[in-house]
Protein backbone atom coordinates (compact mmCIF):
# COMPACT_ATOMS: atom_id res chain seq x y z
CA MET A 1 101.31 -78.88 7.41
CA SER A 2 98.23 -78.63 9.01
CA ASP A 3 97.63 -78.09 12.40
CA PHE A 4 94.85 -80.11 13.44
CA ASP A 5 92.63 -83.04 12.20
CA LEU A 6 89.50 -81.14 11.48
CA VAL A 7 88.09 -77.51 12.80
CA VAL A 8 84.48 -76.54 12.98
CA THR A 9 83.68 -73.25 12.90
CA GLY A 10 80.11 -71.34 13.71
CA ARG A 11 78.39 -69.78 16.71
CA VAL A 12 79.91 -72.44 19.78
CA VAL A 13 77.67 -72.77 22.29
CA LEU A 14 79.33 -73.83 25.75
CA THR A 15 77.25 -74.53 29.03
CA ASP A 16 77.64 -70.65 29.94
CA HIS A 17 78.38 -68.44 27.01
CA VAL A 18 78.18 -68.38 23.06
CA ILE A 19 81.44 -68.02 21.33
CA ASP A 20 80.33 -65.80 18.12
CA HIS A 21 83.04 -66.47 15.13
CA GLY A 22 83.92 -68.97 17.10
CA TYR A 23 85.83 -72.78 16.25
CA VAL A 24 86.54 -75.86 17.48
CA ALA A 25 89.90 -77.64 16.86
CA VAL A 26 90.30 -81.40 16.69
CA ARG A 27 93.12 -83.76 16.98
CA ALA A 28 92.98 -87.64 17.03
CA GLY A 29 88.87 -87.60 17.77
CA VAL A 30 89.59 -85.16 20.82
CA VAL A 31 88.60 -81.73 21.34
CA GLU A 32 91.92 -79.84 21.46
CA ARG A 33 91.12 -76.10 21.37
CA VAL A 34 88.19 -74.12 21.71
CA GLY A 35 88.45 -70.34 20.76
CA SER A 36 87.28 -67.44 18.51
CA GLY A 37 88.16 -65.51 15.09
CA ALA A 38 91.00 -66.40 12.68
CA PRO A 39 90.60 -70.84 13.03
CA PRO A 40 93.77 -72.78 13.16
CA GLN A 41 94.96 -74.52 9.91
CA ALA A 42 93.55 -78.57 9.88
CA ARG A 43 93.04 -81.18 7.20
CA GLU A 44 89.62 -80.68 7.39
CA ARG A 45 87.34 -77.84 7.81
CA PHE A 46 83.67 -77.47 8.03
CA ASP A 47 82.77 -73.77 7.94
CA PHE A 48 78.79 -73.52 9.41
CA GLY A 49 78.32 -69.30 9.63
CA ASP A 50 76.31 -68.69 11.89
CA ALA A 51 74.51 -71.67 12.96
CA TYR A 52 74.97 -73.06 16.15
CA VAL A 53 78.07 -75.51 17.11
CA LEU A 54 76.87 -77.70 20.25
CA PRO A 55 78.04 -80.66 22.19
CA GLY A 56 76.57 -83.49 20.71
CA ALA A 57 73.57 -84.88 22.97
CA ILE A 58 73.52 -87.63 25.21
CA ASP A 59 70.20 -89.12 25.06
CA SER A 60 69.48 -90.50 28.90
CA GLN A 61 67.05 -92.65 28.03
CA VAL A 62 66.66 -94.55 24.83
CA HIS A 63 64.86 -98.21 24.30
CA SER A 64 66.09 -99.93 21.26
CA ARG A 65 64.92 -103.00 21.58
CA SER A 66 61.44 -103.21 23.62
CA GLN A 67 60.14 -104.80 20.47
CA LYS A 68 61.42 -108.14 19.06
CA ASN A 69 62.38 -107.91 15.41
CA GLN A 70 61.69 -103.91 15.52
CA GLU A 71 63.98 -101.05 15.71
CA ASP A 72 67.50 -102.72 17.06
CA PHE A 73 70.52 -100.32 17.45
CA ILE A 74 70.93 -100.19 13.72
CA TRP A 75 67.90 -98.07 13.17
CA SER A 76 67.88 -96.23 16.72
CA THR A 77 71.49 -95.05 16.32
CA ARG A 78 70.59 -93.81 12.73
CA SER A 79 67.74 -91.67 14.21
CA ALA A 80 70.27 -90.62 16.51
CA ALA A 81 73.20 -89.40 14.44
CA ALA A 82 70.38 -87.73 12.32
CA GLY A 83 68.97 -85.93 15.49
CA GLY A 84 72.64 -84.39 16.73
CA VAL A 85 72.55 -87.06 19.37
CA THR A 86 76.30 -88.64 19.59
CA THR A 87 75.64 -91.10 22.93
CA ILE A 88 72.44 -93.15 23.46
CA VAL A 89 72.31 -94.56 27.36
CA ASP A 90 69.71 -97.65 26.73
CA MET A 91 67.61 -99.05 29.09
CA PRO A 92 67.67 -102.77 30.22
CA TYR A 93 64.38 -104.00 29.34
CA ASP A 94 64.62 -105.47 26.21
CA GLU A 95 62.05 -108.02 24.71
CA GLY A 96 62.66 -111.62 25.85
CA PHE A 97 66.30 -110.52 27.69
CA LEU A 98 66.50 -108.90 30.89
CA VAL A 99 70.01 -106.97 31.41
CA CYS A 100 70.37 -108.38 35.26
CA SER A 101 73.46 -110.46 34.99
CA ALA A 102 77.36 -109.34 34.11
CA GLU A 103 76.85 -111.89 31.41
CA ASN A 104 73.70 -110.16 29.69
CA VAL A 105 75.26 -106.32 29.98
CA ARG A 106 78.58 -107.99 28.27
CA ARG A 107 76.46 -109.35 25.79
CA LYS A 108 74.48 -106.25 25.04
CA ALA A 109 77.54 -104.15 24.72
CA ALA A 110 78.74 -106.75 22.02
CA GLU A 111 75.61 -106.47 20.02
CA ALA A 112 75.02 -103.22 20.47
CA GLY A 113 78.77 -102.58 19.50
CA ALA A 114 78.45 -104.66 16.11
CA GLN A 115 75.30 -102.26 15.59
CA ALA A 116 75.45 -98.72 16.75
CA ARG A 117 76.46 -95.71 14.53
CA VAL A 118 76.94 -93.65 17.74
CA ASP A 119 78.62 -94.25 20.86
CA PHE A 120 76.35 -95.71 23.95
CA ALA A 121 76.64 -96.58 27.59
CA LEU A 122 74.08 -98.96 29.17
CA TYR A 123 71.75 -99.33 32.14
CA ALA A 124 71.12 -102.80 34.14
CA THR A 125 68.48 -103.91 36.25
CA ILE A 126 67.92 -106.94 38.74
CA ASP A 127 65.91 -109.94 38.60
CA PRO A 128 63.77 -109.29 41.42
CA GLU A 129 64.17 -112.64 43.13
CA GLU A 130 67.69 -111.99 42.88
CA GLY A 131 67.72 -108.69 44.63
CA ALA A 132 70.90 -106.70 44.76
CA LYS A 133 73.28 -109.86 44.30
CA ARG A 134 74.55 -109.04 40.80
CA ILE A 135 74.94 -105.31 41.03
CA ASP A 136 78.70 -105.49 41.72
CA GLU A 137 79.65 -108.04 39.06
CA MET A 138 77.00 -105.52 36.62
CA VAL A 139 79.39 -102.45 37.47
CA ALA A 140 82.28 -104.34 36.77
CA ALA A 141 80.88 -105.39 33.46
CA GLY A 142 80.45 -101.49 32.46
CA ALA A 143 76.92 -100.75 33.49
CA ALA A 144 76.73 -97.09 33.61
CA SER A 145 73.55 -97.00 36.08
CA PHE A 146 70.65 -99.09 36.96
CA LYS A 147 66.89 -98.79 36.30
CA PHE A 148 64.10 -100.02 38.46
CA SER A 149 60.55 -99.45 38.17
CA THR A 150 57.78 -98.97 41.22
CA PHE A 151 55.04 -100.04 39.04
CA GLY A 152 54.79 -103.19 37.15
CA THR A 153 54.32 -102.91 34.03
CA ASP A 154 55.44 -106.79 32.84
CA PRO A 155 56.53 -109.34 35.31
CA LYS A 156 59.05 -110.52 33.43
CA ARG A 157 60.25 -107.60 31.19
CA PHE A 158 59.11 -104.97 33.43
CA PRO A 159 58.96 -105.88 36.98
CA ARG A 160 57.88 -103.32 40.11
CA ILE A 161 60.65 -103.68 42.52
CA PRO A 162 59.42 -103.76 46.30
CA PRO A 163 60.95 -100.62 48.57
CA GLN A 164 62.79 -103.05 50.34
CA THR A 165 64.65 -104.58 47.31
CA LEU A 166 65.16 -100.90 46.13
CA HIS A 167 67.03 -100.03 49.11
CA ALA A 168 69.16 -103.00 49.15
CA CYS A 169 70.33 -102.36 45.82
CA PHE A 170 70.62 -98.46 46.15
CA GLN A 171 72.95 -99.33 49.03
CA ALA A 172 74.91 -101.64 46.81
CA ILE A 173 74.75 -98.83 43.92
CA GLY A 174 75.63 -95.99 46.34
CA ARG A 175 79.23 -97.71 46.71
CA HIS A 176 80.00 -97.47 43.59
CA GLY A 177 79.02 -93.96 43.48
CA LEU A 178 76.64 -94.52 40.35
CA ILE A 179 72.77 -93.43 39.88
CA ALA A 180 69.97 -95.46 40.77
CA GLY A 181 67.21 -94.35 38.23
CA VAL A 182 63.64 -95.05 38.60
CA HIS A 183 60.21 -95.45 36.84
CA ASN A 184 58.11 -93.40 39.24
CA GLU A 185 54.52 -94.67 39.33
CA ASN A 186 52.85 -96.11 42.69
CA ASP A 187 51.75 -99.72 41.51
CA GLU A 188 48.88 -100.05 44.25
CA MET A 189 47.32 -96.72 43.34
CA VAL A 190 47.81 -96.98 39.54
CA ARG A 191 46.12 -100.49 39.79
CA ALA A 192 43.32 -99.01 41.74
CA ALA A 193 42.70 -95.87 39.22
CA ILE A 194 42.90 -98.45 36.09
CA ARG A 195 40.09 -100.44 37.52
CA ALA A 196 38.17 -97.41 38.58
CA VAL A 197 38.42 -96.04 34.96
CA GLU A 198 37.59 -99.59 33.56
CA ALA A 199 34.57 -99.63 35.46
CA SER A 200 33.61 -96.41 34.28
CA GLY A 201 33.63 -97.27 30.98
CA ILE A 202 35.66 -94.63 29.29
CA ARG A 203 37.96 -95.76 26.81
CA ASP A 204 39.04 -92.53 24.52
CA TYR A 205 42.14 -90.20 25.22
CA ARG A 206 40.75 -89.26 28.64
CA ALA A 207 41.36 -92.94 30.03
CA HIS A 208 45.26 -92.92 30.35
CA ALA A 209 45.44 -89.67 32.18
CA MET A 210 42.87 -90.90 34.32
CA SER A 211 44.20 -94.19 35.10
CA ARG A 212 47.55 -92.37 36.15
CA PRO A 213 46.48 -89.61 38.46
CA PRO A 214 48.99 -87.07 39.62
CA ALA A 215 49.73 -88.48 43.27
CA THR A 216 50.67 -91.70 41.69
CA GLU A 217 53.71 -90.22 40.38
CA THR A 218 54.69 -87.77 43.40
CA LEU A 219 53.93 -90.47 45.98
CA ALA A 220 56.40 -93.02 43.92
CA MET A 221 59.03 -90.39 43.87
CA ALA A 222 58.61 -89.29 47.64
CA GLU A 223 59.42 -93.24 48.35
CA VAL A 224 62.39 -93.29 45.90
CA TYR A 225 64.14 -90.08 47.25
CA GLU A 226 63.61 -91.17 50.40
CA LEU A 227 65.05 -94.75 50.04
CA ALA A 228 67.75 -93.17 48.26
CA ALA A 229 68.75 -90.72 50.69
CA ASP A 230 68.66 -93.53 53.60
CA ALA A 231 70.89 -95.40 51.68
CA GLY A 232 73.38 -93.30 50.52
CA CYS A 233 72.91 -93.46 46.95
CA SER A 234 72.18 -90.62 44.22
CA GLY A 235 68.52 -91.57 43.44
CA HIS A 236 67.15 -89.98 39.73
CA ILE A 237 63.64 -90.16 38.50
CA VAL A 238 63.90 -90.80 34.85
CA HIS A 239 60.69 -88.90 33.79
CA CYS A 240 58.65 -86.57 35.75
CA SER A 241 55.20 -85.05 34.14
CA LEU A 242 54.44 -82.92 37.18
CA GLY A 243 56.12 -79.33 38.67
CA ARG A 244 55.13 -80.77 41.91
CA GLY A 245 57.94 -83.51 41.15
CA TYR A 246 60.31 -80.98 40.28
CA ASP A 247 59.70 -79.33 43.60
CA LEU A 248 60.16 -82.43 45.32
CA CYS A 249 63.69 -83.08 44.01
CA ALA A 250 64.92 -79.58 44.82
CA GLY A 251 63.99 -79.96 48.17
CA TYR A 252 66.07 -82.90 48.50
CA ARG A 253 68.90 -81.11 46.68
CA ALA A 254 68.69 -78.06 48.85
CA GLN A 255 68.87 -80.38 51.90
CA GLY A 256 72.63 -81.67 50.22
CA PHE A 257 71.28 -84.94 48.68
CA ASP A 258 72.72 -85.82 45.09
CA HIS A 259 69.08 -86.77 44.04
CA THR A 260 68.20 -85.52 40.31
CA ILE A 261 65.28 -85.68 37.77
CA GLU A 262 64.77 -85.87 34.22
CA ALA A 263 62.16 -83.91 31.88
CA CYS A 264 61.18 -86.02 28.47
CA ILE A 265 61.13 -83.80 25.43
CA HIS A 266 57.31 -84.73 25.07
CA TYR A 267 56.64 -83.33 28.56
CA LEU A 268 57.68 -80.05 27.46
CA THR A 269 56.02 -80.12 24.12
CA LEU A 270 52.72 -81.98 24.11
CA ASP A 271 49.65 -81.56 26.21
CA GLU A 272 46.72 -83.76 26.88
CA GLU A 273 44.14 -81.57 26.05
CA ASN A 274 45.25 -80.77 22.91
CA ASP A 275 47.74 -83.81 21.62
CA VAL A 276 46.45 -86.84 23.48
CA ALA A 277 43.17 -85.76 22.41
CA ARG A 278 44.19 -85.74 18.75
CA LEU A 279 46.75 -88.34 18.52
CA GLY A 280 45.27 -91.16 20.80
CA GLY A 281 47.20 -93.83 21.48
CA LYS A 282 50.34 -92.36 19.60
CA ALA A 283 50.56 -90.01 22.71
CA LYS A 284 50.05 -92.30 25.25
CA ILE A 285 53.15 -92.31 27.43
CA ASN A 286 54.05 -93.45 30.92
CA PRO A 287 53.84 -91.19 32.84
CA PRO A 288 51.29 -89.55 30.82
CA LEU A 289 51.29 -86.50 29.32
CA ARG A 290 49.42 -83.53 31.12
CA PRO A 291 47.14 -80.70 30.82
CA ARG A 292 49.36 -77.24 29.02
CA ARG A 293 49.37 -75.84 32.62
CA GLU A 294 52.20 -78.18 33.41
CA VAL A 295 53.93 -78.05 30.33
CA GLU A 296 54.36 -74.78 31.17
CA ALA A 297 55.23 -75.45 34.67
CA LEU A 298 58.24 -77.58 33.43
CA TRP A 299 59.39 -74.59 31.64
CA ARG A 300 59.21 -72.84 34.66
CA HIS A 301 61.35 -74.98 36.52
CA LEU A 302 63.72 -75.70 33.41
CA ALA A 303 64.51 -71.68 33.44
CA ALA A 304 64.77 -71.88 37.30
CA GLY A 305 67.62 -74.82 36.81
CA ASN A 306 65.19 -77.79 38.59
CA VAL A 307 65.46 -79.96 35.90
CA THR A 308 68.79 -81.85 35.71
CA VAL A 309 68.61 -83.35 31.99
CA VAL A 310 66.13 -83.67 28.90
CA SER A 311 65.75 -87.02 27.36
CA THR A 312 63.70 -88.96 25.20
CA ASP A 313 62.81 -91.95 26.57
CA HIS A 314 62.40 -92.93 22.93
CA VAL A 315 60.77 -96.17 21.65
CA SER A 316 59.65 -97.10 17.80
CA TRP A 317 56.58 -99.39 18.45
CA SER A 318 54.92 -100.83 15.79
CA GLU A 319 51.53 -98.74 14.56
CA ASP A 320 49.55 -101.71 15.07
CA ARG A 321 50.37 -101.27 18.69
CA LYS A 322 49.46 -97.65 18.75
CA THR A 323 46.12 -96.96 17.15
CA ASN A 324 43.78 -99.29 19.15
CA PRO A 325 40.45 -97.53 19.73
CA ASP A 326 41.09 -98.41 23.52
CA MET A 327 43.51 -96.11 24.73
CA LEU A 328 44.32 -98.75 27.60
CA LYS A 329 45.51 -101.41 25.51
CA ASN A 330 48.06 -99.66 23.37
CA ALA A 331 51.69 -99.44 24.39
CA SER A 332 53.49 -96.48 25.86
CA GLY A 333 56.29 -94.34 24.58
CA VAL A 334 56.93 -92.72 21.50
CA PRO A 335 59.84 -92.15 18.58
CA SER A 336 61.50 -88.93 19.11
CA LEU A 337 65.70 -89.31 18.55
CA GLU A 338 65.63 -87.43 15.53
CA VAL A 339 64.09 -84.42 16.99
CA LEU A 340 65.46 -84.02 20.16
CA TYR A 341 67.83 -81.16 19.68
CA ALA A 342 65.24 -79.47 17.24
CA LEU A 343 62.75 -79.63 19.87
CA LEU A 344 64.42 -78.37 22.85
CA LEU A 345 65.87 -75.65 20.79
CA LYS A 346 62.26 -74.73 19.74
CA GLY A 347 60.88 -74.52 23.07
CA LEU A 348 64.09 -72.38 24.22
CA ILE A 349 63.71 -69.43 21.63
CA GLU A 350 59.89 -69.39 21.86
CA ARG A 351 60.34 -68.93 25.60
CA ARG A 352 63.50 -66.72 24.94
CA LEU A 353 65.69 -68.57 26.97
CA ASP A 354 69.65 -68.81 26.46
CA VAL A 355 70.88 -71.61 24.04
CA THR A 356 73.35 -72.63 26.54
CA TRP A 357 70.07 -74.34 28.62
CA ALA A 358 70.77 -76.85 25.25
CA ALA A 359 74.22 -77.68 26.25
CA ARG A 360 74.32 -78.31 29.90
CA LEU A 361 70.84 -80.52 29.88
CA LEU A 362 71.70 -82.33 26.61
CA ALA A 363 75.51 -82.78 27.01
CA ALA A 364 76.88 -81.35 30.28
CA ASN A 365 74.47 -82.99 33.11
CA PRO A 366 74.14 -86.22 31.19
CA ALA A 367 77.87 -86.85 31.23
CA ARG A 368 77.70 -86.30 34.82
CA LEU A 369 74.81 -87.91 35.67
CA PHE A 370 76.23 -90.95 34.11
CA ARG A 371 79.79 -90.39 35.27
CA ILE A 372 81.02 -90.50 31.56
CA GLY A 373 82.52 -86.70 31.69
CA HIS A 374 85.75 -87.91 31.45
CA ARG A 375 84.97 -88.60 27.93
CA LYS A 376 81.71 -87.02 26.98
CA GLY A 377 79.38 -83.74 27.56
CA ALA A 378 81.31 -80.50 26.51
CA LEU A 379 83.16 -78.97 23.97
CA GLU A 380 86.13 -78.32 25.98
CA ALA A 381 90.05 -79.96 25.87
CA GLY A 382 90.31 -83.32 26.63
CA ARG A 383 86.71 -84.46 25.57
CA ASP A 384 85.57 -86.51 22.67
CA ALA A 385 84.92 -84.46 19.90
CA ASP A 386 81.36 -85.20 19.61
CA ILE A 387 79.66 -81.91 17.60
CA THR A 388 76.22 -81.31 16.69
CA VAL A 389 75.30 -78.12 14.19
CA MET A 390 72.23 -76.69 14.28
CA ALA A 391 71.06 -74.34 11.58
CA HIS A 392 68.14 -72.10 11.31
CA ARG A 393 65.90 -73.77 8.34
CA PRO A 394 62.21 -73.74 9.15
CA GLY A 395 60.51 -76.68 8.36
CA ARG A 396 57.69 -78.97 9.16
CA TYR A 397 58.77 -82.04 10.74
CA ASP A 398 57.83 -85.57 8.48
CA ALA A 399 59.39 -88.61 10.35
CA ALA A 400 58.58 -91.11 6.87
CA ALA A 401 60.40 -88.54 4.79
CA SER A 402 63.60 -88.26 6.46
CA GLY A 403 64.76 -92.03 5.81
CA HIS A 404 66.22 -92.19 9.57
CA ASN A 405 63.50 -93.77 11.48
CA PHE A 406 62.25 -97.37 11.64
CA VAL A 407 59.13 -96.26 12.20
CA GLY A 408 57.26 -93.71 9.84
CA TRP A 409 54.75 -92.20 12.22
CA SER A 410 56.01 -89.89 15.42
CA PRO A 411 53.53 -87.75 17.58
CA TYR A 412 55.37 -84.40 16.51
CA GLN A 413 54.46 -85.05 12.99
CA GLY A 414 54.09 -81.70 10.91
CA ILE A 415 55.49 -79.89 13.98
CA GLU A 416 57.19 -76.47 12.49
CA LEU A 417 61.09 -76.83 13.72
CA PRO A 418 62.91 -73.48 13.32
CA TYR A 419 66.23 -75.48 13.87
CA ARG A 420 67.27 -78.19 12.07
CA PRO A 421 70.52 -80.23 12.39
CA VAL A 422 72.86 -79.75 9.44
CA ALA A 423 76.25 -81.93 11.06
CA THR A 424 76.90 -84.32 13.38
CA PHE A 425 80.39 -85.34 14.08
CA LEU A 426 81.25 -88.49 16.36
CA ARG A 427 84.74 -88.43 17.81
CA GLY A 428 85.97 -86.01 15.07
CA LYS A 429 84.52 -87.74 12.40
CA ALA A 430 81.51 -86.76 10.18
CA ILE A 431 78.47 -89.13 10.58
CA PHE A 432 75.47 -86.94 9.65
CA ASP A 433 75.22 -84.24 6.89
CA GLY A 434 72.27 -82.81 6.96
CA THR A 435 70.55 -85.53 4.75
CA HIS A 436 72.68 -88.75 4.90
CA VAL A 437 73.90 -90.62 7.88
CA THR A 438 77.18 -91.57 7.04
CA ALA A 439 78.19 -93.72 9.70
CA GLU A 440 78.36 -97.12 9.38
CA PRO A 441 76.93 -100.01 11.95
CA GLY A 442 79.67 -100.66 14.06
CA SER A 443 80.98 -97.30 14.50
CA GLY A 444 79.73 -96.57 17.89
CA ALA A 445 81.87 -97.78 21.04
CA PHE A 446 80.78 -98.58 24.69
CA ILE A 447 81.24 -95.89 26.87
CA HIS A 448 82.17 -96.65 30.57
CA PRO A 449 81.78 -94.70 33.82
CA VAL A 450 84.49 -93.56 35.88
CA LEU A 451 83.33 -95.23 39.37
CA ALA A 452 83.69 -93.39 43.20
CA ASN A 453 86.95 -95.20 43.71
CA GLN A 454 88.55 -93.56 40.32
CA VAL A 455 89.25 -89.99 39.18
CA GLU A 456 86.44 -88.19 37.03
CA VAL A 457 87.18 -85.10 35.37
CA ALA A 458 84.35 -82.72 36.10
CA ALA A 459 81.47 -82.11 33.57
């Protein structure tokens, strides 16, 4: 008689150490035992030798529906499963559908639930004309966090929220113990810089970073952190491209504020002088990719513990929206769900940093951030058995060849990856075998956070 439903063996990666010759034993979709040596009996057993057995990643920032009739959750979560991502946190700025009411949270959760192959949580936002009035109802509908922007990308789909409204929203969110995530670019300074670039006549790859100089980012961050500190809310910066930004966050944390900061994988991998120059619009991201010196500054902050989470900010724009010779006219954002784990491991290995950083930055810390640590974020008894296995299989990445991406382009095309996902398990069920995504649409579940008046298991 089998003791467990599933046992997975390999080098088990926890947040503070690696268990060589380790195993994870699962019953009813939940981790029940983690140990070393001879594994217990199980109905199913997968032996992965010296491959890393890691907690499934939680991608803190995904845009599944930024472009109508494009990716949607069927494809974003297929890429996720193939990349070892077992939970995505989706952004509220769907084209033609702003997630700014309880009704819209429930509708998106139902639509995503019918399509998703991995689990998901949802960001919500506000209609600027309504302010904070619907925050309580959206929390009740299951929103895990709230997203705002200090820059107006689009007045309807992605609006700027002025500081007085941000403050009121932060107060409402703080009462529930959730985070307020903010896109950090100062609207007035960016618009002035854009006008200056347009007047200069520069339209090649240089134009984008020139239109968003570093101070536009850090000024917005200081405003967000100060407003959140005053309002009694956990302020979260959803992407930071500059070492100075991590200094700001570390300063507020040293003062006792629960402020956090996110490093997207592109800021740890790509740079302006090499990759933007080569890729043009396919490397356009807001805030922009910075010079290589900033990439290395971010890695120093990561090693110092100043990075809270690493995410993708994934969005699969159609190629025609990324290939305009006029850099300023391209859409911002890139697809990266399939390579999040692989790219982070590559960077850790190249800098001789411990692989346990991956378990913290892609699982434990995001679980705490979104208040879902009662279920997600660790290979630990009582947590969902979300498992990613990364094996040493060097090769060059080809986004089109895998068949798991809605678009066939990637800014990481051709990059050498030392480790690849060879298996993904969602709540104890195999959903990726190293080649094929076996999870069907509808396999994913809507994950609700634990609120301030409830008891949460610490991540």
